Protein backbone atom coordinates (compact mmCIF):
# COMPACT_ATOMS: atom_id res chain seq x y z
CA MET A 1 245.44 73.36 146.99
CA PRO A 2 246.58 74.34 150.50
CA SER A 3 246.99 71.47 152.89
CA GLY A 4 244.80 73.14 155.54
CA PRO A 5 245.61 74.93 158.73
CA PRO A 6 247.80 73.32 161.33
CA LEU A 7 246.06 72.00 164.37
CA ALA A 8 245.96 74.43 167.26
CA GLY A 9 246.01 71.76 169.98
CA GLY A 10 248.46 73.79 172.03
CA LEU A 11 246.16 76.80 172.05
CA ALA A 12 242.79 75.33 172.92
CA HIS A 13 243.69 73.72 176.21
CA ARG A 14 245.55 76.74 177.63
CA ARG A 15 242.99 79.46 177.21
CA GLN A 16 239.39 79.84 176.28
CA THR A 17 239.06 81.39 172.84
CA ALA A 18 237.00 84.53 172.36
CA LEU A 19 236.72 85.28 168.66
CA ILE A 20 234.67 88.46 168.98
CA PRO A 21 236.74 91.23 167.40
CA THR A 22 236.76 94.67 168.97
CA PRO A 23 237.18 97.95 167.12
CA ARG A 24 240.79 98.69 166.33
CA SER A 25 240.76 101.88 168.39
CA GLU A 26 239.91 99.90 171.54
CA ALA A 27 242.44 97.16 170.84
CA LYS A 28 245.28 99.70 170.48
CA SER A 29 244.57 101.39 173.82
CA LEU A 30 247.34 99.72 175.80
CA PRO A 31 248.57 101.18 179.09
CA HIS A 32 251.38 103.72 178.86
CA VAL A 33 253.50 101.89 181.44
CA ALA A 34 254.34 98.39 180.29
CA SER A 35 254.03 95.59 182.82
CA PRO A 36 256.93 93.13 183.14
CA ALA A 37 254.95 90.56 181.11
CA MET A 38 254.40 93.11 178.32
CA GLN A 39 258.11 93.97 178.33
CA ASP A 40 258.95 90.26 177.98
CA ASP A 41 256.46 90.00 175.11
CA SER A 42 258.08 93.01 173.42
CA LYS A 43 261.50 91.38 173.71
CA LEU A 44 260.12 88.12 172.31
CA VAL A 45 258.44 89.92 169.40
CA ALA A 46 261.72 91.75 168.67
CA LEU A 47 263.64 88.46 168.83
CA ILE A 48 261.22 86.80 166.41
CA HIS A 49 261.34 89.79 164.04
CA HIS A 50 265.15 89.62 164.06
CA SER A 51 265.01 85.88 163.27
CA LEU A 52 262.54 86.49 160.44
CA ASP A 53 264.75 89.23 158.99
CA ASP A 54 267.83 86.98 159.21
CA ALA A 55 265.98 84.21 157.37
CA LYS A 56 264.85 86.65 154.63
CA ALA A 57 261.13 86.25 155.41
CA GLU A 58 258.90 88.51 153.33
CA GLU A 59 255.81 90.62 154.08
CA ILE A 60 256.19 90.48 157.86
CA VAL A 61 253.09 91.74 159.66
CA THR A 62 252.52 91.95 163.41
CA ILE A 63 248.96 92.13 164.67
CA GLU A 64 248.24 93.13 168.24
CA LEU A 65 245.64 90.70 169.61
CA ALA A 66 245.34 92.16 173.10
CA GLY A 67 241.66 93.02 173.57
CA LYS A 68 240.61 90.93 170.56
CA THR A 69 241.16 87.41 171.91
CA THR A 70 242.73 85.54 174.78
CA ILE A 71 244.74 83.06 172.70
CA ALA A 72 247.72 85.42 172.44
CA ASP A 73 248.76 89.06 172.66
CA HIS A 74 250.67 89.20 169.36
CA MET A 75 250.38 87.43 166.02
CA ILE A 76 253.24 87.63 163.56
CA ILE A 77 252.61 86.58 159.97
CA ALA A 78 255.35 86.16 157.38
CA THR A 79 255.85 84.61 153.96
CA GLY A 80 258.54 82.32 152.56
CA ARG A 81 259.15 81.89 148.84
CA SER A 82 258.88 78.08 148.86
CA ASN A 83 258.25 75.12 151.16
CA THR A 84 261.99 74.88 151.77
CA HIS A 85 262.22 78.58 152.62
CA VAL A 86 259.22 78.36 154.99
CA GLY A 87 260.88 75.40 156.75
CA ALA A 88 264.19 77.26 157.06
CA ILE A 89 262.42 80.33 158.47
CA ALA A 90 260.56 78.16 160.97
CA ASP A 91 263.80 76.45 162.06
CA ARG A 92 265.45 79.84 162.61
CA VAL A 93 262.50 81.15 164.69
CA ILE A 94 262.27 77.94 166.74
CA ARG A 95 266.02 77.93 167.44
CA ALA A 96 266.00 81.60 168.51
CA CYS A 97 263.04 81.02 170.85
CA LYS A 98 264.68 77.95 172.41
CA ASP A 99 267.98 79.82 172.84
CA ALA A 100 266.04 82.55 174.70
CA GLY A 101 264.57 79.96 177.10
CA HIS A 102 261.12 79.54 175.54
CA THR A 103 259.52 76.23 174.57
CA PRO A 104 257.73 76.76 171.26
CA ARG A 105 255.03 74.39 170.06
CA VAL A 106 255.09 73.78 166.32
CA GLU A 107 252.48 72.55 163.85
CA GLY A 108 252.76 72.03 160.08
CA LEU A 109 256.52 71.58 159.84
CA PRO A 110 256.43 68.37 157.72
CA ASN A 111 254.57 70.04 154.80
CA CYS A 112 255.84 73.62 155.23
CA ASP A 113 252.83 75.15 153.44
CA TRP A 114 251.78 76.80 156.70
CA VAL A 115 253.84 76.49 159.85
CA LEU A 116 252.45 77.70 163.16
CA VAL A 117 254.90 78.44 165.98
CA ASP A 118 253.17 79.00 169.33
CA VAL A 119 255.44 80.72 171.84
CA GLY A 120 252.83 81.48 174.49
CA ASP A 121 251.62 85.05 174.08
CA VAL A 122 253.15 85.28 170.60
CA ILE A 123 251.93 83.18 167.69
CA VAL A 124 253.91 83.06 164.45
CA HIS A 125 252.32 81.98 161.15
CA LEU A 126 254.69 81.23 158.28
CA PHE A 127 253.15 80.72 154.84
CA ARG A 128 253.95 80.13 151.21
CA PRO A 129 252.53 83.13 149.26
CA GLU A 130 249.51 81.37 147.75
CA VAL A 131 248.55 79.74 151.06
CA ARG A 132 248.77 83.08 152.85
CA GLN A 133 246.55 84.67 150.24
CA PHE A 134 244.04 81.80 150.48
CA TYR A 135 243.62 81.99 154.30
CA ASN A 136 244.08 85.78 154.57
CA LEU A 137 244.55 85.86 158.36
CA GLU A 138 245.32 89.58 158.31
CA LYS A 139 241.80 90.35 157.18
CA MET A 140 240.28 88.02 159.77
CA TRP A 141 242.25 89.57 162.64
CA GLY A 142 242.06 93.17 161.47
CA GLY A 143 245.58 93.69 160.17
CA ASP A 144 246.41 94.99 156.70
CA ARG A 145 248.77 93.18 154.38
CA PRO A 146 251.65 95.38 153.23
CA VAL A 147 250.24 95.53 149.68
CA GLU A 148 246.78 96.52 150.95
CA GLN A 149 248.24 99.27 153.15
CA GLY A 150 249.71 100.96 150.08
CA VAL A 151 246.46 100.63 148.15
CA SER A 152 244.35 102.06 150.97
CA LYS A 153 246.71 105.03 151.37
CA ARG A 154 246.39 105.85 147.67
CA GLN A 155 242.59 105.57 147.77
CA THR A 156 242.30 107.99 150.69
CA SER A 157 244.56 110.61 149.07
């Protein structure tokens, strides 16, 4: 049985949460010229993706949250094969963020079933496979899991 989601204490006090999803077409309509903050977010997302790839994370999904909620602009979800692997992935992401001058807040590191790394406008969720399937954050936030993307493409053909 999953140990439950990590506490989001770092998120609640910073911003007011709006959990009303918007249609995907509206959420994707970002300005053509990126603001400096958006460029920094893009660099941070790229840095985190590189760290996840280095740590051999699986099923990496990035969900754009801009227009859906105010808690963050990007959510990155990845899977580790075991508790040890999830912990190693989390350590790699945390170290890369700190080296880049960010101060990540971390929840769930002792158990490593589900580790949440909050880096401001980017939130990273790291799961063991069965915990990820149980909580299914991609479905809640409107992103498709890699397996589901392939299934939906075949069904529409």
